[in-house]
Protein backbone atom coordinates (compact mmCIF):
# COMPACT_ATOMS: atom_id res chain seq x y z
CA MET A 1 -0.01 0.03 0.13
CA ARG A 2 1.27 3.44 -0.96
CA GLU A 3 0.47 6.72 -0.02
CA THR A 4 1.74 10.50 -0.95
CA HIS A 5 1.56 13.58 1.23
CA PRO A 6 1.61 17.17 0.39
CA ASP A 7 4.18 17.71 3.00
CA ASP A 8 6.70 15.75 1.60
CA ARG A 9 6.52 13.02 4.20
CA PRO A 10 5.76 9.88 2.12
CA ALA A 11 4.30 7.01 3.91
CA VAL A 12 4.32 3.17 3.28
CA THR A 13 2.72 0.35 4.92
CA THR A 14 4.95 -2.44 5.60
CA LEU A 15 3.56 -5.91 6.91
CA HIS A 16 4.56 -4.91 10.38
CA GLY A 17 3.21 -1.34 10.14
CA ALA A 18 3.18 1.90 8.40
CA VAL A 19 6.31 3.90 8.20
CA ARG A 20 6.94 7.61 7.27
CA GLY A 21 9.87 8.89 5.61
CA VAL A 22 10.98 12.32 4.28
CA ARG A 23 12.03 13.57 0.66
CA GLU A 24 15.43 14.68 0.49
CA ASN A 25 17.08 15.81 -2.98
CA GLY A 26 14.46 14.45 -4.77
CA VAL A 27 14.07 10.88 -3.48
CA ALA A 28 12.32 9.43 -0.67
CA VAL A 29 14.12 8.17 2.17
CA PHE A 30 13.05 5.80 5.03
CA ARG A 31 15.56 5.30 7.78
CA GLY A 32 15.55 2.87 10.76
CA VAL A 33 12.94 0.58 9.69
CA PRO A 34 12.98 -2.76 11.90
CA TYR A 35 13.20 -5.98 9.82
CA ALA A 36 13.55 -8.26 12.72
CA ALA A 37 12.80 -7.79 16.61
CA ALA A 38 15.69 -6.34 18.87
CA PRO A 39 17.89 -9.29 19.56
CA VAL A 40 18.11 -8.47 23.35
CA GLY A 41 17.12 -10.22 26.53
CA ALA A 42 15.53 -13.68 25.66
CA ARG A 43 16.36 -13.04 22.07
CA ARG A 44 20.16 -12.42 22.49
CA PHE A 45 22.27 -14.91 20.67
CA ARG A 46 19.21 -16.46 18.85
CA ALA A 47 18.16 -16.62 15.24
CA PRO A 48 16.25 -13.36 14.23
CA GLU A 49 12.36 -13.25 14.71
CA PRO A 50 10.05 -10.92 13.14
CA PRO A 51 9.48 -7.51 14.83
CA GLU A 52 6.47 -6.87 16.67
CA PRO A 53 3.72 -4.89 14.76
CA TRP A 54 3.01 -1.50 15.52
CA ALA A 55 -0.18 0.68 15.34
CA GLY A 56 -0.19 4.10 13.78
CA VAL A 57 2.67 5.45 11.66
CA ARG A 58 6.46 5.02 12.83
CA GLU A 59 8.59 7.90 12.08
CA ALA A 60 11.45 6.65 9.63
CA VAL A 61 13.59 9.68 9.39
CA ALA A 62 16.56 9.09 11.63
CA PHE A 63 19.09 5.91 11.10
CA GLY A 64 18.35 3.29 13.54
CA PRO A 65 20.56 1.80 16.38
CA THR A 66 23.76 0.24 15.17
CA ALA A 67 25.09 -2.94 16.51
CA PRO A 68 27.50 -2.79 19.45
CA LYS A 69 30.95 -2.09 18.08
CA ARG A 70 34.09 -0.11 18.79
CA PRO A 71 35.71 2.59 16.37
CA TYR A 72 38.53 1.79 14.33
CA ASP A 73 41.98 2.29 16.12
CA PRO A 74 43.98 5.30 15.09
CA PRO A 75 44.92 6.26 12.36
CA LEU A 76 41.99 4.23 10.51
CA ASP A 77 39.39 5.94 12.54
CA ALA A 78 40.12 9.38 10.56
CA LEU A 79 39.98 7.47 7.22
CA LEU A 80 36.98 5.23 7.98
CA PRO A 81 34.72 6.98 10.19
CA ASP A 82 32.10 4.65 11.72
CA PRO A 83 28.78 6.30 13.53
CA GLU A 84 27.52 4.89 16.27
CA VAL A 85 23.80 5.18 17.11
CA PRO A 86 22.31 4.09 20.37
CA GLY A 87 19.77 1.66 21.01
CA ASP A 88 18.97 -2.09 21.02
CA GLY A 89 16.99 -2.38 17.93
CA TRP A 90 19.93 -3.06 15.45
CA LEU A 91 18.29 -5.24 13.31
CA ASN A 92 17.07 -2.35 10.78
CA LEU A 93 17.60 -0.99 7.46
CA ASN A 94 17.05 1.93 5.24
CA VAL A 95 15.39 2.48 2.05
CA TRP A 96 16.03 5.22 -0.76
CA THR A 97 13.51 5.32 -3.27
CA PRO A 98 12.51 7.50 -6.40
CA GLY A 99 9.27 7.26 -4.78
CA PRO A 100 6.87 4.89 -3.35
CA GLU A 101 4.27 5.60 -5.81
CA ARG A 102 6.67 4.01 -8.56
CA THR A 103 6.28 0.15 -9.47
CA GLY A 104 8.68 -2.57 -10.69
CA LEU A 105 12.12 -0.81 -10.03
CA PRO A 106 15.16 -2.52 -9.77
CA VAL A 107 16.59 -3.06 -6.04
CA LEU A 108 20.22 -3.12 -4.73
CA VAL A 109 20.59 -4.61 -1.14
CA TRP A 110 23.82 -3.15 0.46
CA MET A 111 25.62 -5.21 3.20
CA HIS A 112 28.29 -2.92 4.76
CA GLY A 113 31.84 -4.33 5.40
CA GLY A 114 34.47 -3.88 8.53
CA SER A 115 35.88 -7.18 9.24
CA LEU A 116 32.61 -8.43 10.89
CA VAL A 117 33.39 -6.13 13.98
CA HIS A 118 32.62 -2.84 12.29
CA GLY A 119 30.60 -0.56 9.93
CA SER A 120 26.91 -0.15 9.94
CA SER A 121 24.41 1.11 7.18
CA ALA A 122 24.77 4.58 8.97
CA VAL A 123 28.01 5.15 7.15
CA PRO A 124 27.51 8.24 5.19
CA VAL A 125 29.29 7.22 1.97
CA TYR A 126 26.63 4.74 1.69
CA ASP A 127 23.99 7.25 1.09
CA GLY A 128 21.69 5.84 -1.54
CA THR A 129 20.41 9.17 -3.06
CA ALA A 130 22.33 8.71 -6.32
CA PHE A 131 21.07 5.19 -6.83
CA ALA A 132 17.59 6.33 -6.32
CA ARG A 133 18.00 9.26 -8.71
CA ASP A 134 18.87 6.87 -11.37
CA GLY A 135 16.07 4.68 -10.82
CA VAL A 136 17.19 1.92 -8.42
CA VAL A 137 15.77 1.26 -4.95
CA LEU A 138 18.85 1.00 -2.53
CA VAL A 139 18.27 -0.88 0.78
CA SER A 140 21.06 -0.67 3.23
CA VAL A 141 21.18 -3.26 6.12
CA ASN A 142 22.60 -3.26 9.68
CA TYR A 143 23.36 -6.78 11.28
CA ARG A 144 24.87 -8.09 14.25
CA LEU A 145 28.73 -7.98 14.55
CA GLY A 146 31.56 -9.42 16.62
CA ILE A 147 30.71 -12.17 19.23
CA GLU A 148 26.86 -11.12 19.22
CA GLY A 149 26.69 -12.10 15.34
CA PHE A 150 29.73 -14.36 14.67
CA GLY A 151 30.65 -16.30 17.92
CA VAL A 152 30.61 -20.08 17.82
CA PHE A 153 28.86 -21.35 20.79
CA PRO A 154 27.56 -25.04 21.87
CA ASP A 155 24.19 -23.52 23.03
CA ALA A 156 23.30 -21.06 20.18
CA PRO A 157 23.06 -20.92 16.20
CA ALA A 158 26.35 -20.01 14.53
CA ASN A 159 26.38 -17.34 11.96
CA LEU A 160 23.79 -15.19 13.46
CA GLY A 161 25.16 -12.05 11.54
CA LEU A 162 24.52 -14.03 8.30
CA LEU A 163 20.94 -15.13 9.46
CA ASP A 164 20.41 -11.43 10.09
CA GLN A 165 21.17 -10.70 6.37
CA LEU A 166 18.88 -13.38 5.39
CA ALA A 167 15.95 -12.02 7.32
CA ALA A 168 16.56 -8.74 5.84
CA LEU A 169 16.44 -10.15 2.38
CA GLU A 170 13.03 -11.80 3.16
CA TRP A 171 11.81 -8.71 4.53
CA VAL A 172 12.88 -7.15 0.96
CA ARG A 173 11.14 -9.83 -0.75
CA ASP A 174 8.06 -9.18 1.46
CA ASN A 175 7.99 -5.50 1.46
CA VAL A 176 9.95 -3.67 -1.20
CA ALA A 177 7.18 -3.43 -3.62
CA ALA A 178 5.55 -0.98 -1.19
CA PHE A 179 8.35 1.30 -1.83
CA GLY A 180 8.48 0.93 -5.49
CA GLY A 181 10.78 -1.96 -6.02
CA ASP A 182 10.44 -5.28 -7.76
CA PRO A 183 11.27 -8.16 -5.48
CA GLY A 184 12.07 -10.20 -8.29
CA LEU A 185 14.63 -7.86 -9.41
CA VAL A 186 16.91 -7.68 -6.49
CA THR A 187 20.72 -7.31 -6.55
CA LEU A 188 22.78 -8.33 -3.52
CA ALA A 189 25.96 -6.44 -3.00
CA GLY A 190 28.62 -5.84 -0.59
CA GLU A 191 32.30 -4.74 0.16
CA SER A 192 35.01 -6.48 2.07
CA ALA A 193 33.22 -8.36 4.89
CA GLY A 194 29.96 -7.63 3.34
CA ALA A 195 30.96 -9.34 -0.19
CA VAL A 196 32.12 -12.29 1.87
CA SER A 197 28.44 -12.28 3.25
CA VAL A 198 27.03 -11.84 -0.15
CA ALA A 199 29.38 -14.82 -1.18
CA ALA A 200 28.22 -17.08 1.58
CA LEU A 201 24.39 -16.14 0.93
CA LEU A 202 25.15 -17.04 -2.73
CA ALA A 203 26.23 -20.63 -1.36
CA ALA A 204 23.31 -20.79 1.06
CA PRO A 205 20.60 -23.08 -0.14
CA ARG A 206 18.15 -20.95 2.02
CA ALA A 207 18.81 -17.90 0.09
CA ALA A 208 17.97 -19.37 -3.13
CA GLY A 209 15.49 -17.04 -5.18
CA LEU A 210 15.89 -14.02 -2.87
CA PHE A 211 18.16 -12.20 -5.34
CA ARG A 212 18.89 -12.48 -8.93
CA ARG A 213 22.08 -10.76 -8.99
CA ALA A 214 25.17 -10.06 -6.96
CA VAL A 215 28.28 -7.75 -6.57
CA LEU A 216 31.19 -8.77 -4.52
CA GLN A 217 33.65 -5.78 -3.84
CA SER A 218 36.95 -6.69 -2.49
CA GLY A 219 35.57 -9.72 -0.88
CA THR A 220 35.89 -13.45 -1.72
CA PRO A 221 33.96 -16.78 -0.86
CA ASP A 222 35.24 -17.82 2.44
CA ALA A 223 34.41 -19.66 5.54
CA ALA A 224 36.20 -21.20 8.37
CA ALA A 225 35.47 -24.39 10.13
CA PRO A 226 33.50 -24.35 13.41
CA GLU A 227 36.61 -25.24 15.30
CA ALA A 228 38.66 -22.47 13.83
CA GLY A 229 35.73 -19.92 14.21
CA ARG A 230 35.25 -21.17 17.86
CA ARG A 231 38.51 -19.95 18.82
CA THR A 232 37.91 -16.45 19.09
CA THR A 233 35.00 -16.88 21.24
CA GLU A 234 36.86 -18.95 23.78
CA LEU A 235 39.64 -16.45 23.81
CA VAL A 236 37.07 -13.63 24.51
CA ALA A 237 35.49 -15.89 27.03
CA ARG A 238 38.62 -16.62 28.82
CA ARG A 239 39.39 -13.09 29.09
CA LEU A 240 36.15 -12.36 30.83
CA GLY A 241 36.65 -15.62 32.96
CA VAL A 242 33.48 -17.09 32.04
CA PRO A 243 32.59 -20.32 29.91
CA ALA A 244 32.46 -20.12 26.15
CA THR A 245 28.72 -20.35 26.06
CA ALA A 246 26.10 -18.12 25.10
CA ALA A 247 24.18 -18.53 28.45
CA ALA A 248 27.41 -17.42 30.10
CA LEU A 249 28.44 -14.68 27.87
CA ALA A 250 24.56 -13.30 27.70
CA ALA A 251 25.02 -12.56 31.60
CA VAL A 252 28.06 -10.64 30.98
CA ASP A 253 27.87 -6.71 30.81
CA PRO A 254 27.78 -5.59 27.39
CA SER A 255 30.52 -3.19 27.36
CA ALA A 256 32.98 -5.64 29.23
CA LEU A 257 32.14 -8.07 26.27
CA LEU A 258 32.80 -5.59 23.75
CA ALA A 259 36.13 -4.71 25.36
CA ALA A 260 37.27 -8.12 25.62
CA GLN A 261 36.25 -8.77 21.98
CA SER A 262 38.30 -5.60 20.92
CA GLU A 263 41.49 -6.95 23.02
CA VAL A 264 41.38 -10.29 21.25
CA THR A 265 40.91 -8.78 17.53
CA ARG A 266 42.96 -5.78 17.77
CA GLY A 267 46.05 -5.62 15.67
CA GLY A 268 45.01 -8.09 12.68
CA ASN A 269 43.96 -6.93 9.30
CA PRO A 270 42.21 -9.09 6.64
CA LEU A 271 45.51 -9.49 4.59
CA THR A 272 47.83 -10.18 7.46
CA GLY A 273 45.41 -12.17 9.99
CA ARG A 274 45.38 -12.61 13.46
CA ASP A 275 42.39 -13.92 15.70
CA ALA A 276 38.91 -12.59 14.24
CA PHE A 277 35.47 -13.69 13.87
CA HIS A 278 34.31 -15.78 10.58
CA ILE A 279 31.54 -16.80 9.01
CA VAL A 280 31.66 -20.74 9.27
CA THR A 281 30.39 -23.86 7.76
CA ASP A 282 27.50 -24.65 10.24
CA GLY A 283 25.93 -27.38 8.61
CA ASP A 284 22.51 -25.43 8.20
CA LEU A 285 22.58 -22.24 6.64
CA LEU A 286 26.02 -22.84 5.44
CA PRO A 287 26.51 -26.41 4.93
CA ARG A 288 29.70 -26.28 2.77
CA ASP A 289 32.49 -24.14 1.95
CA PRO A 290 31.04 -21.18 -0.15
CA ALA A 291 34.15 -21.23 -2.58
CA GLU A 292 33.82 -24.96 -3.43
CA ALA A 293 30.10 -24.66 -3.57
CA LEU A 294 30.05 -21.73 -6.12
CA ARG A 295 32.87 -23.20 -8.10
CA GLU A 296 30.42 -26.50 -8.44
CA GLY A 297 27.53 -24.42 -9.67
CA ALA A 298 25.69 -23.15 -6.63
CA SER A 299 23.81 -19.87 -7.59
CA GLY A 300 25.00 -20.62 -11.23
CA GLY A 301 22.07 -18.58 -12.57
CA VAL A 302 22.99 -15.52 -10.70
CA ASP A 303 24.58 -12.81 -12.50
CA LEU A 304 28.10 -11.73 -10.97
CA LEU A 305 29.97 -8.58 -10.76
CA MET A 306 33.03 -8.95 -8.78
CA GLY A 307 36.46 -7.08 -8.49
CA THR A 308 39.21 -5.78 -6.31
CA ASN A 309 41.48 -2.54 -6.05
CA THR A 310 44.68 -2.46 -7.28
CA GLU A 311 46.56 -1.71 -3.87
CA GLU A 312 44.19 -3.22 -1.51
CA TYR A 313 46.70 -3.85 0.99
CA ARG A 314 47.63 -0.04 1.28
CA LEU A 315 44.95 0.82 3.37
CA TRP A 316 46.51 -1.43 6.26
CA PHE A 317 50.14 -1.28 5.51
CA VAL A 318 50.77 2.57 4.81
CA PRO A 319 49.07 4.10 7.72
CA SER A 320 50.59 1.60 10.03
CA GLY A 321 53.78 2.12 8.87
CA LEU A 322 54.25 -1.63 7.96
CA THR A 323 55.63 -0.74 4.15
CA GLU A 324 58.48 1.02 5.80
CA ARG A 325 59.02 -1.48 8.82
CA LEU A 326 59.17 -4.49 6.85
CA GLY A 327 62.55 -5.74 5.61
CA ARG A 328 63.85 -8.37 3.21
CA VAL A 329 64.32 -10.84 6.17
CA ARG A 330 60.60 -10.71 7.25
CA LEU A 331 59.54 -10.29 3.74
CA ARG A 332 61.00 -13.96 3.45
CA LEU A 333 59.42 -15.39 6.37
CA ALA A 334 56.19 -13.87 5.24
CA LEU A 335 56.33 -15.49 1.77
CA LEU A 336 57.11 -18.87 3.45
CA LYS A 337 53.97 -18.34 5.60
CA PHE A 338 51.82 -17.55 2.89
CA GLY A 339 53.39 -20.41 0.88
CA VAL A 340 54.23 -18.13 -1.97
CA PRO A 341 56.02 -19.81 -4.83
CA GLY A 342 59.50 -18.75 -5.48
CA ALA A 343 59.07 -18.23 -9.02
CA THR A 344 55.98 -16.21 -8.45
CA ALA A 345 57.68 -13.77 -5.90
CA ARG A 346 60.44 -13.21 -8.64
CA VAL A 347 57.83 -12.22 -11.33
CA TYR A 348 56.24 -9.73 -9.04
CA ARG A 349 59.87 -8.60 -7.97
CA ALA A 350 60.88 -8.07 -11.70
CA ASN A 351 57.53 -6.18 -12.55
CA ARG A 352 58.22 -3.66 -9.53
CA PRO A 353 61.70 -2.93 -9.36
CA ASP A 354 61.30 -0.34 -7.25
CA ALA A 355 59.12 -1.70 -4.73
CA ARG A 356 59.93 -1.96 -1.16
CA PRO A 357 59.61 -5.17 0.73
CA GLY A 358 56.46 -4.07 2.40
CA GLU A 359 54.99 -3.14 -1.01
CA LEU A 360 55.99 -6.28 -2.60
CA LEU A 361 54.17 -8.53 0.13
CA GLY A 362 51.37 -6.36 0.11
CA ALA A 363 50.93 -6.91 -3.78
CA LEU A 364 51.38 -10.45 -3.62
CA ALA A 365 48.86 -10.90 -0.34
CA THR A 366 46.28 -8.89 -2.47
CA ASP A 367 46.39 -11.18 -5.17
CA LEU A 368 46.66 -14.33 -3.14
CA LEU A 369 43.77 -13.42 -0.72
CA LEU A 370 41.36 -11.47 -3.29
CA ARG A 371 42.20 -11.31 -6.88
CA VAL A 372 43.39 -14.98 -7.55
CA PRO A 373 40.07 -16.33 -5.77
CA LEU A 374 37.82 -14.14 -7.75
CA ASN A 375 39.67 -15.00 -10.90
CA VAL A 376 39.34 -18.84 -10.08
CA LEU A 377 35.53 -18.35 -9.47
CA ALA A 378 35.16 -16.31 -12.70
CA ASP A 379 36.84 -19.17 -14.63
CA ALA A 380 34.53 -21.89 -13.02
CA ARG A 381 31.57 -19.88 -13.79
CA ARG A 382 32.48 -19.46 -17.60
CA ASP A 383 30.02 -21.65 -19.34
CA GLY A 384 27.26 -21.40 -16.53
CA PRO A 385 24.02 -19.94 -17.38
CA GLY A 386 24.92 -16.77 -15.00
CA ARG A 387 26.80 -14.04 -16.46
CA THR A 388 30.21 -12.81 -14.78
CA TYR A 389 31.84 -9.71 -15.04
CA LEU A 390 35.12 -8.34 -13.62
CA TYR A 391 36.38 -5.03 -12.80
CA GLU A 392 39.66 -3.70 -11.13
CA PHE A 393 39.63 -0.13 -9.50
CA GLY A 394 43.02 1.54 -9.82
CA TRP A 395 42.67 5.25 -9.24
CA PRO A 396 45.25 6.12 -6.61
CA SER A 397 44.28 8.33 -3.57
CA PRO A 398 46.78 11.26 -2.83
CA VAL A 399 45.83 10.73 0.87
CA LEU A 400 48.76 9.45 2.87
CA ARG A 401 50.18 7.80 -0.25
CA LEU A 402 47.20 5.36 0.14
CA GLY A 403 46.83 4.55 -3.47
CA ALA A 404 44.10 2.24 -5.03
CA CYS A 405 43.63 1.01 -1.37
CA HIS A 406 40.98 -0.93 -0.03
CA ALA A 407 37.39 0.69 0.25
CA LEU A 408 38.51 3.61 -1.58
CA GLU A 409 36.05 2.58 -4.62
CA ILE A 410 32.78 2.86 -2.45
CA GLY A 411 32.67 6.56 -2.94
CA PHE A 412 32.73 6.24 -6.64
CA VAL A 413 30.17 3.34 -6.66
CA PHE A 414 27.66 5.44 -4.32
CA ASP A 415 28.57 8.75 -6.22
CA THR A 416 29.07 10.29 -2.95
CA LEU A 417 32.79 11.59 -3.33
CA ALA A 418 31.38 15.14 -2.13
CA HIS A 419 30.86 13.84 1.53
CA PRO A 420 33.67 14.57 4.07
CA ASP A 421 33.94 10.96 4.74
CA ALA A 422 34.82 10.14 1.36
CA VAL A 423 37.35 13.08 0.91
CA ALA A 424 38.98 11.84 4.08
CA LEU A 425 39.95 8.74 2.00
CA ALA A 426 39.96 9.94 -1.63
CA GLY A 427 40.87 13.73 -1.07
CA PRO A 428 38.86 16.72 -2.27
CA ASP A 429 39.92 16.35 -5.90
CA ALA A 430 38.92 12.81 -6.82
CA PRO A 431 37.72 12.55 -10.28
CA GLN A 432 33.84 12.74 -10.77
CA ALA A 433 34.02 11.55 -14.08
CA LEU A 434 35.24 8.22 -12.82
CA ALA A 435 32.66 8.00 -10.28
CA ASP A 436 29.98 8.57 -13.06
CA ALA A 437 31.09 5.68 -15.02
CA MET A 438 31.55 3.58 -12.02
CA HIS A 439 28.31 4.29 -10.42
CA ALA A 440 26.55 4.06 -14.12
CA ALA A 441 27.97 0.51 -14.27
CA TRP A 442 26.50 -0.70 -10.86
CA VAL A 443 23.04 0.99 -11.94
CA ARG A 444 22.98 -0.80 -15.45
CA PHE A 445 23.92 -4.42 -13.73
CA ALA A 446 21.13 -3.86 -11.20
CA ALA A 447 18.71 -2.90 -13.93
CA ASP A 448 19.63 -5.47 -16.21
CA GLY A 449 22.52 -7.61 -15.58
CA ASP A 450 25.00 -5.89 -17.96
CA PRO A 451 27.33 -3.51 -16.55
CA GLY A 452 28.59 -2.22 -19.90
CA TRP A 453 31.36 -4.27 -20.89
CA SER A 454 31.88 -8.18 -22.07
CA ALA A 455 31.00 -10.90 -19.84
CA TRP A 456 33.94 -12.93 -18.71
CA ASP A 457 35.02 -15.64 -21.38
CA ALA A 458 38.23 -17.08 -22.61
CA ARG A 459 39.78 -13.65 -23.34
CA ARG A 460 39.59 -12.67 -19.40
CA PRO A 461 37.98 -9.24 -19.97
CA VAL A 462 38.65 -6.78 -16.92
CA MET A 463 36.79 -3.22 -16.89
CA ALA A 464 39.69 -0.99 -15.25
CA PHE A 465 38.16 2.21 -13.35
CA GLY A 466 41.38 4.05 -13.56
CA PRO A 467 44.01 5.29 -13.21
CA GLY A 468 42.68 7.15 -16.37
CA ALA A 469 39.83 6.62 -18.25
CA PRO A 470 37.68 3.54 -17.84
CA ALA A 471 38.78 1.11 -20.39
CA VAL A 472 38.59 -3.07 -20.85
CA VAL A 473 42.06 -4.84 -20.50
CA GLU A 474 42.09 -8.28 -21.47
CA ALA A 475 44.01 -10.67 -18.97
CA PRO A 476 45.67 -8.06 -17.02
CA ARG A 477 49.04 -8.90 -15.17
CA ASP A 478 48.73 -12.50 -16.49
CA ASP A 479 52.22 -13.12 -15.84
CA GLU A 480 51.69 -12.69 -12.19
CA LEU A 481 48.48 -14.56 -12.14
CA ARG A 482 49.81 -17.73 -13.98
CA GLY A 483 52.45 -18.12 -11.09
CA TRP A 484 49.81 -18.87 -8.26
CA PRO A 485 49.08 -22.88 -7.74
CA PRO A 486 45.63 -22.63 -9.25
CA TYR A 487 47.00 -21.81 -12.64
CA ARG A 488 50.43 -22.95 -12.71
CA GLY A 489 51.31 -25.40 -15.44
CA LYS A 490 48.20 -23.82 -17.71
CA GLY A 491 48.75 -22.35 -21.10
């Protein structure tokens, strides 16, 4: 049911009650709409449940509460602002739409990144105005983080944050038509840990049919065994002096639980690792390794757009000083740890004669953990019914010599380069023309599954967004790619 108001306060009736948003910059926005009940009290460490219906019209102007989390440690906190909104109703979402009076519009559902311990849908760079302006309903989702969302217990379901995301997709299926969207034309997208989540949902049988297309930005299909995922939970419980059970941790003061979680996970990053929270293969929602499942045909009919940034590693290595601190001895030890073939390392070194050891390690780690798995997945899907498209974002940020680092592309995808949060990472002179091109590609993909370049085939086409004008490159840096075990020995 749809209703328009002369005071620019559009109202929509969802299955659980009416919500009233606001018109901003020519589009209608509904913020903080609950898609599940608050996961507190008896619902803590339990699968999400539908929200309680409400009477009257609920105001949906301000962002809803964000899941418990800590800010990024300096200096990343200045580069990746992470708003905190107090309250218990973390399981909420936001909708930007050209207008609820419209019908049949494509929908893009956004899962934020943050290593499963940071982030929210309230991050300003994720503002969906440009998508709605261009005819796409943008839905951004909050989900449980850290031990609340990804702890592994003997007395509670695993992957609670992933179950939250599934519940949000079910909400979209049941309600997005009231906002002008087509529930049969949903694209699920995410960056970093959000992309890992999207890949897991691609492999989850229970998510089948909830989306037609998917976007993986700087994240790959990846899941840990439950035993590995349980380690972080046990370390948190040990710091608190309680059993590693949901019942015991539910009795701990939330601020103390968050502090212990931060102590356990501090200092690691997605490229170098350390104790962290993981999506796990749980035998239920995620019955098998998602990389294996997708290579063997799971979600084979879903169109897929995916890619990486050329210098992902620089977000973690440069601000921390690792590029300067890491010498040749530590580089050799790191290559042994990662199992990098000697011949492969020599090719990377020859292609980067002026690179410092930390920069060489970063390039190798970026490809090992991100670019190679996505290329392998694209190859496996080449003859399937769903189309696969690859991109690489290469425009270098001048800020702190960050280059084409992790997360830099988000402001281009959302066309939010003017926001101060985007300026913090990209600087004040980021090329708007590149944002126009990248945002338009995502809009086209959401609308008809074709972002504007050739689908993956034997030529291995990749759309390069920067450093110059967007252009398709066939088999970029193929000499480096061919040095990794999945490709060694292949012509």
